Amino acid sequence: MIRFKAGAPRGVPPRFLSRLRSLAVPTAWGAVAVAYRLSCPLARDDALGARLVSSAVLCAVGTGIVLHVRRRMLRDARRIAEAAQSVLLRPPPPRVEGLAVAAVHLSADRGARIGGDLYEVTATEHGVRAVIGDVRGHGLGAVRTGAAVLGCFREAAHDEKTLAGVLRRLERAMDRHLRERAHGDHHAPDGAPAAEEFVTVLLLEILPDGEVHALNCGHPWPYRLTGAGAEPLGRADPLPPLGLFPLPGELPTTACGRLLPGDILVLHTDGAEEARDADGRFFPLREVLTEAARDRPQTPQAVLRTVLTALLGHGGGPPKDDVALLILRNERCSPPARQTRGVPRSATADR
């Protein structure tokens, strides 16, 4: 007995087989049309009824081919968009310099899992630096803006000694992006001019001793989870979002205290707090995080599951706005001695 192995024949490229499979449906429809024309007596009848039947058959064949091609084009476009999104929002490492990390992005775009939210966390010689942002709108246009900001952060986080220097670099990158879009007469995803596009950004810097510094440009403050519950990391008024107005000359960072061993930071975009249920009530993010702070084991992944389960249940399905969550847990055994910028430890302890 001759047995055939499943899979592609030897020497045949998989891409060639994929193209053959993509032609199978149009070929089948074409075969139906040819068979009808050659074998069906109605196809050779000149009566009005026969002509109507023949026209209906040819119309059905043409519609089937068009629908198949359209579905394939949409599938290919979705695959390309999702590949671009995966490069932009690549999964963070599970640990960064003693911090456990978990992240997720939920897109409001039903055509593809893409959106304008952005996040990143990286270890630098200046400490662990993280960013989370939210581009106005969603879809491919927001992805391009997010790519401009996030690509700049991935370089500036390592190059700039201060968090203010990183933010200045992001501002210049956003300005260049808006000028290029205005020159190309492009529009934002929701139809607004490129000049009205902006992005909210939150920058965090976590030093080896757990001290946290922040710069906030119109973004929601993250929550700190401790044994006592969930509290906003900061309450200072934020700077304007990037792209709306020039930043002020002075960019003083906000001192947010220390992230002690076991503490968790939950960075989020406004899509989480502004999600509504059928009655129009907002998602109670802080209450959900307070409950998550009491659960054990308390890991970034466990907190992430708790928030996602409650969020999807609250809205009865996928969100209507993009949602991004970045969760960091301090798993360092004890705060090491501060070794930066020649500042005495006694001076930093009083901040």
Protein backbone atom coordinates (compact mmCIF):
# COMPACT_ATOMS: atom_id res chain seq x y z
CA MET A 1 0.00 0.00 0.00
CA ILE A 2 1.31 3.44 -0.90
CA ARG A 3 1.03 6.02 1.83
CA PHE A 4 1.20 9.75 1.34
CA LYS A 5 2.53 12.06 4.03
CA ALA A 6 0.49 15.09 4.95
CA GLY A 7 2.02 18.46 4.23
CA ALA A 8 3.73 20.11 1.32
CA PRO A 9 5.49 17.92 -1.27
CA ARG A 10 9.26 18.04 -1.24
CA GLY A 11 10.77 20.84 -3.23
CA VAL A 12 7.53 22.88 -3.37
CA PRO A 13 7.80 26.25 -1.59
CA PRO A 14 5.03 26.84 1.00
CA ARG A 15 4.35 30.27 -0.52
CA PHE A 16 3.62 28.63 -3.88
CA LEU A 17 1.16 26.24 -2.25
CA SER A 18 -0.50 29.14 -0.45
CA ARG A 19 -1.02 30.91 -3.77
CA LEU A 20 -2.47 27.77 -5.29
CA ARG A 21 -4.94 27.48 -2.42
CA SER A 22 -5.93 31.13 -2.84
CA LEU A 23 -6.80 30.41 -6.49
CA ALA A 24 -8.90 27.36 -5.66
CA VAL A 25 -12.16 29.25 -4.99
CA PRO A 26 -12.00 31.53 -8.08
CA THR A 27 -11.08 28.50 -10.19
CA ALA A 28 -14.06 26.57 -8.83
CA TRP A 29 -16.42 29.46 -9.62
CA GLY A 30 -14.95 29.72 -13.11
CA ALA A 31 -15.41 25.98 -13.62
CA VAL A 32 -19.08 26.36 -12.63
CA ALA A 33 -19.55 29.09 -15.22
CA VAL A 34 -17.81 27.07 -17.97
CA ALA A 35 -19.74 23.89 -17.12
CA TYR A 36 -23.02 25.78 -17.19
CA ARG A 37 -22.20 27.32 -20.55
CA LEU A 38 -21.16 24.02 -22.18
CA SER A 39 -23.58 21.52 -20.66
CA CYS A 40 -26.77 23.35 -19.68
CA PRO A 41 -29.41 23.69 -22.45
CA LEU A 42 -30.58 27.00 -20.96
CA ALA A 43 -27.23 28.57 -21.77
CA ARG A 44 -27.87 28.05 -25.51
CA ASP A 45 -31.55 29.02 -25.41
CA ASP A 46 -32.37 32.48 -26.77
CA ALA A 47 -35.69 32.75 -24.93
CA LEU A 48 -36.08 35.62 -22.47
CA GLY A 49 -36.51 33.32 -19.44
CA ALA A 50 -33.41 31.32 -20.33
CA ARG A 51 -31.39 34.49 -20.74
CA LEU A 52 -32.51 35.71 -17.35
CA VAL A 53 -31.44 32.42 -15.75
CA SER A 54 -28.05 32.58 -17.50
CA SER A 55 -27.56 36.16 -16.36
CA ALA A 56 -28.40 35.18 -12.78
CA VAL A 57 -25.87 32.32 -12.89
CA LEU A 58 -23.10 34.55 -14.27
CA CYS A 59 -23.94 37.24 -11.72
CA ALA A 60 -23.68 34.71 -8.88
CA VAL A 61 -20.33 33.49 -10.21
CA GLY A 62 -18.98 37.04 -10.45
CA THR A 63 -20.25 37.94 -6.98
CA GLY A 64 -18.63 34.84 -5.48
CA ILE A 65 -15.27 35.71 -7.04
CA VAL A 66 -15.43 39.34 -5.91
CA LEU A 67 -16.38 38.40 -2.34
CA HIS A 68 -13.57 35.86 -2.16
CA VAL A 69 -10.98 38.37 -3.39
CA ARG A 70 -12.28 41.01 -0.98
CA ARG A 71 -12.12 38.64 2.00
CA ARG A 72 -8.58 37.67 1.12
CA MET A 73 -7.49 41.29 0.73
CA LEU A 74 -8.99 42.18 4.11
CA ARG A 75 -7.35 39.15 5.70
CA ASP A 76 -3.96 40.11 4.26
CA ALA A 77 -4.37 43.74 5.35
CA ARG A 78 -5.32 42.60 8.86
CA ARG A 79 -2.30 40.31 9.02
CA ILE A 80 0.04 43.11 7.94
CA ALA A 81 -1.50 45.56 10.42
CA GLU A 82 -1.23 43.09 13.28
CA ALA A 83 2.39 42.37 12.36
CA ALA A 84 3.12 46.10 12.48
CA GLN A 85 1.36 46.38 15.83
CA SER A 86 3.35 43.46 17.25
CA VAL A 87 6.58 45.24 16.29
CA LEU A 88 5.36 48.48 17.84
CA LEU A 89 4.00 46.91 21.05
CA ARG A 90 6.37 44.02 21.44
CA PRO A 91 5.77 41.91 24.56
CA PRO A 92 7.85 43.22 27.49
CA PRO A 93 10.29 40.88 29.22
CA PRO A 94 8.87 39.14 32.31
CA ARG A 95 11.52 40.79 34.52
CA VAL A 96 13.43 44.07 34.21
CA GLU A 97 16.11 44.76 36.83
CA GLY A 98 14.22 43.11 39.67
CA LEU A 99 10.78 44.28 38.52
CA ALA A 100 8.21 41.71 37.39
CA VAL A 101 6.32 42.95 34.32
CA ALA A 102 3.00 42.17 32.61
CA ALA A 103 1.22 44.12 29.88
CA VAL A 104 -1.77 43.91 27.55
CA HIS A 105 -3.35 45.97 24.79
CA LEU A 106 -7.02 45.77 23.78
CA SER A 107 -7.95 47.53 20.55
CA ALA A 108 -11.28 49.14 19.76
CA ASP A 109 -10.65 48.54 16.05
CA ARG A 110 -12.83 45.59 15.07
CA GLY A 111 -11.04 45.10 11.77
CA ALA A 112 -7.67 44.36 13.34
CA ARG A 113 -5.99 44.25 16.72
CA ILE A 114 -4.35 47.65 16.29
CA GLY A 115 -4.66 50.93 18.10
CA GLY A 116 -2.98 54.09 19.33
CA ASP A 117 -2.00 53.08 22.85
CA LEU A 118 1.70 52.56 23.54
CA TYR A 119 3.89 51.31 26.37
CA GLU A 120 7.46 50.23 27.01
CA VAL A 121 9.73 49.45 29.96
CA THR A 122 13.50 49.18 29.75
CA ALA A 123 16.52 49.02 32.05
CA THR A 124 19.04 51.82 31.59
CA GLU A 125 22.12 53.06 33.44
CA HIS A 126 19.87 55.79 34.83
CA GLY A 127 17.35 53.34 36.31
CA VAL A 128 14.33 51.46 34.97
CA ARG A 129 12.35 53.77 32.71
CA ALA A 130 8.82 53.19 31.53
CA VAL A 131 6.40 55.01 29.25
CA ILE A 132 2.70 54.67 28.58
CA GLY A 133 0.77 56.84 26.16
CA ASP A 134 -2.49 57.27 24.32
CA VAL A 135 -2.75 58.70 20.81
CA ARG A 136 -5.93 60.53 19.88
CA GLY A 137 -8.07 58.16 17.80
CA HIS A 138 -7.25 54.60 16.83
CA GLY A 139 -6.46 52.53 13.76
CA LEU A 140 -3.51 52.77 11.36
CA GLY A 141 -3.13 56.54 11.69
CA ALA A 142 -2.77 56.25 15.46
CA VAL A 143 -0.28 53.40 15.02
CA ARG A 144 1.96 55.65 12.91
CA THR A 145 1.90 58.38 15.57
CA GLY A 146 2.55 55.87 18.34
CA ALA A 147 5.47 54.43 16.39
CA ALA A 148 7.07 57.89 16.13
CA VAL A 149 6.80 58.49 19.88
CA LEU A 150 7.72 55.00 21.01
CA GLY A 151 10.66 54.69 18.63
CA CYS A 152 12.07 57.93 20.03
CA PHE A 153 11.60 56.75 23.63
CA ARG A 154 13.51 53.53 23.02
CA GLU A 155 16.59 55.56 22.12
CA ALA A 156 16.17 58.59 24.41
CA ALA A 157 15.62 56.44 27.51
CA HIS A 158 19.23 55.25 27.21
CA ASP A 159 20.80 58.45 25.86
CA GLU A 160 19.35 61.10 28.16
CA LYS A 161 20.58 61.47 31.74
CA THR A 162 17.36 63.07 32.99
CA LEU A 163 13.70 62.26 32.55
CA ALA A 164 13.17 65.84 31.36
CA GLY A 165 15.67 65.21 28.56
CA VAL A 166 13.68 62.16 27.47
CA LEU A 167 10.47 64.20 27.35
CA ARG A 168 12.15 66.93 25.29
CA ARG A 169 13.18 64.30 22.75
CA LEU A 170 9.63 62.96 22.60
CA GLU A 171 8.28 66.46 22.04
CA ARG A 172 10.65 67.04 19.11
CA ALA A 173 9.77 63.65 17.61
CA MET A 174 6.06 64.47 17.83
CA ASP A 175 6.62 67.88 16.23
CA ARG A 176 8.51 66.30 13.31
CA HIS A 177 5.76 63.73 12.86
CA LEU A 178 3.03 66.38 12.77
CA ARG A 179 4.97 68.50 10.26
CA GLU A 180 5.43 65.50 7.97
CA ARG A 181 1.73 64.67 8.15
CA ALA A 182 0.74 68.29 7.49
CA HIS A 183 3.11 68.46 4.53
CA GLY A 184 1.58 65.27 3.11
CA ASP A 185 -1.94 66.62 3.73
CA HIS A 186 -2.80 63.55 5.79
CA HIS A 187 -5.58 63.40 8.32
CA ALA A 188 -6.02 61.79 11.67
CA PRO A 189 -8.01 58.52 11.82
CA ASP A 190 -11.20 60.26 12.93
CA GLY A 191 -11.04 62.79 10.08
CA ALA A 192 -9.50 65.65 12.10
CA PRO A 193 -6.54 67.57 10.66
CA ALA A 194 -3.07 66.37 11.65
CA ALA A 195 -2.53 69.68 13.46
CA GLU A 196 -5.19 68.63 16.01
CA GLU A 197 -3.59 65.29 16.74
CA PHE A 198 -1.94 64.77 20.13
CA VAL A 199 -0.70 62.05 22.45
CA THR A 200 -0.81 61.82 26.24
CA VAL A 201 2.39 60.48 27.78
CA LEU A 202 3.47 59.35 31.24
CA LEU A 203 7.18 58.81 31.90
CA LEU A 204 8.40 56.92 34.99
CA GLU A 205 11.88 56.40 36.35
CA ILE A 206 12.42 53.79 39.07
CA LEU A 207 15.82 54.02 40.74
CA PRO A 208 17.66 51.06 42.35
CA ASP A 209 16.45 52.07 45.83
CA GLY A 210 12.81 52.07 44.61
CA GLU A 211 12.45 55.86 44.40
CA VAL A 212 10.02 56.81 41.63
CA HIS A 213 10.13 59.98 39.53
CA ALA A 214 7.47 60.92 36.98
CA LEU A 215 6.67 63.37 34.21
CA ASN A 216 3.04 63.45 33.15
CA CYS A 217 1.71 65.01 29.94
CA GLY A 218 -2.08 64.78 30.19
CA HIS A 219 -2.14 61.08 31.08
CA PRO A 220 -4.03 59.35 33.94
CA TRP A 221 -1.84 58.80 36.99
CA PRO A 222 -1.04 55.14 37.67
CA TYR A 223 -2.09 53.33 40.82
CA ARG A 224 0.21 51.95 43.50
CA LEU A 225 -1.01 48.70 45.03
CA THR A 226 0.07 47.96 48.60
CA GLY A 227 -1.40 45.88 51.37
CA ALA A 228 -3.63 48.83 52.23
CA GLY A 229 -5.27 49.01 48.80
CA ALA A 230 -4.84 51.11 45.64
CA GLU A 231 -3.83 54.78 45.65
CA PRO A 232 -2.91 57.13 42.79
CA LEU A 233 0.85 57.42 42.44
CA GLY A 234 0.67 61.21 42.11
CA ARG A 235 -1.84 64.03 42.29
CA ALA A 236 0.06 66.91 40.65
CA ASP A 237 -1.53 68.67 37.71
CA PRO A 238 -0.16 67.19 34.48
CA LEU A 239 1.57 69.04 31.65
CA PRO A 240 -0.31 69.43 28.35
CA PRO A 241 -0.33 66.45 25.96
CA LEU A 242 2.36 66.37 23.29
CA GLY A 243 1.23 68.02 20.07
CA LEU A 244 -1.25 70.50 21.54
CA PHE A 245 1.00 73.20 23.03
CA PRO A 246 4.75 73.66 23.50
CA LEU A 247 6.04 72.36 26.81
CA PRO A 248 7.18 74.93 29.38
CA GLY A 249 10.84 75.83 29.73
CA GLU A 250 11.20 74.08 33.08
CA LEU A 251 10.21 70.42 33.42
CA PRO A 252 10.47 69.51 37.10
CA THR A 253 9.87 65.84 37.76
CA THR A 254 7.33 64.71 40.34
CA ALA A 255 8.78 62.74 43.26
CA CYS A 256 6.38 59.85 43.93
CA GLY A 257 8.02 58.21 46.94
CA ARG A 258 9.47 54.73 46.95
CA LEU A 259 8.18 51.52 45.45
CA LEU A 260 8.83 49.11 48.30
CA PRO A 261 9.42 45.38 47.81
CA GLY A 262 6.08 43.77 46.96
CA ASP A 263 4.44 47.02 45.82
CA ILE A 264 2.80 47.11 42.38
CA LEU A 265 2.38 49.94 39.90
CA VAL A 266 -0.56 49.76 37.47
CA LEU A 267 -0.10 52.04 34.47
CA HIS A 268 -3.17 52.39 32.26
CA THR A 269 -4.75 54.44 29.49
CA ASP A 270 -8.03 56.29 29.91
CA GLY A 271 -9.91 53.58 28.00
CA ALA A 272 -9.86 51.51 31.20
CA GLU A 273 -11.46 54.13 33.46
CA GLU A 274 -13.86 55.44 30.82
CA ALA A 275 -15.34 52.07 29.78
CA ARG A 276 -19.11 52.12 30.36
CA ASP A 277 -21.68 49.42 30.99
CA ALA A 278 -25.17 49.23 29.49
CA ASP A 279 -26.43 51.82 32.02
CA GLY A 280 -23.65 54.29 31.23
CA ARG A 281 -21.68 53.73 34.42
CA PHE A 282 -17.90 54.03 34.28
CA PHE A 283 -15.66 51.08 35.04
CA PRO A 284 -14.62 51.23 38.73
CA LEU A 285 -10.91 50.65 38.13
CA ARG A 286 -9.76 51.79 41.55
CA GLU A 287 -12.24 49.52 43.36
CA VAL A 288 -11.21 46.55 41.21
CA LEU A 289 -7.53 47.23 41.94
CA THR A 290 -8.27 47.51 45.66
CA GLU A 291 -9.78 44.03 45.57
CA ALA A 292 -6.83 42.78 43.51
CA ALA A 293 -4.43 44.16 46.13
CA ARG A 294 -5.94 41.79 48.69
CA ASP A 295 -5.70 38.69 46.51
CA ARG A 296 -2.93 36.12 46.80
CA PRO A 297 -0.74 35.31 45.03
CA GLN A 298 -0.20 38.93 44.09
CA THR A 299 1.66 38.96 40.77
CA PRO A 300 1.43 41.26 37.76
CA GLN A 301 -0.21 38.45 35.79
CA ALA A 302 -2.81 37.88 38.52
CA VAL A 303 -3.64 41.59 38.71
CA LEU A 304 -3.87 41.72 34.93
CA ARG A 305 -6.31 38.79 34.84
CA THR A 306 -8.46 40.36 37.55
CA VAL A 307 -8.70 43.71 35.75
CA LEU A 308 -9.38 42.17 32.33
CA THR A 309 -12.07 39.84 33.65
CA ALA A 310 -13.85 42.71 35.41
CA LEU A 311 -13.42 45.08 32.44
CA LEU A 312 -14.83 42.69 29.84
CA GLY A 313 -17.68 41.77 32.16
CA HIS A 314 -18.47 45.42 32.85
CA GLY A 315 -18.83 46.33 29.18
CA GLY A 316 -20.32 43.05 28.06
CA GLY A 317 -17.62 42.51 25.44
CA PRO A 318 -14.61 44.19 23.81
CA PRO A 319 -13.97 47.82 24.79
CA LYS A 320 -15.20 50.71 22.67
CA ASP A 321 -11.90 52.52 23.18
CA ASP A 322 -8.33 51.27 23.14
CA VAL A 323 -7.09 49.99 26.51
CA ALA A 324 -3.49 49.42 27.55
CA LEU A 325 -2.25 48.14 30.91
CA LEU A 326 1.37 47.95 32.07
CA ILE A 327 1.94 46.40 35.50
CA LEU A 328 5.24 46.49 37.42
CA ARG A 329 5.94 44.72 40.75
CA ASN A 330 9.04 45.37 42.84
CA GLU A 331 10.54 41.96 43.57
CA ARG A 332 13.87 43.24 44.82
CA CYS A 333 14.79 41.80 48.21
CA SER A 334 15.74 45.11 49.83
CA PRO A 335 16.44 48.64 48.66
CA PRO A 336 20.15 49.02 47.85
CA ALA A 337 22.09 52.13 48.77
CA ARG A 338 21.51 55.01 46.38
CA GLN A 339 24.45 55.55 44.02
CA THR A 340 23.45 58.37 41.70
CA ARG A 341 24.26 61.98 41.04
CA GLY A 342 26.21 62.54 44.25
CA VAL A 343 23.07 63.16 46.32
CA PRO A 344 23.36 62.01 49.96
CA ARG A 345 20.87 59.32 50.93
CA SER A 346 19.67 61.46 53.83
CA ALA A 347 18.68 64.16 51.33
CA THR A 348 16.63 61.77 49.17
CA ALA A 349 14.91 60.19 52.15
CA ASP A 350 13.21 63.48 52.98
CA ARG A 351 11.70 63.98 49.54
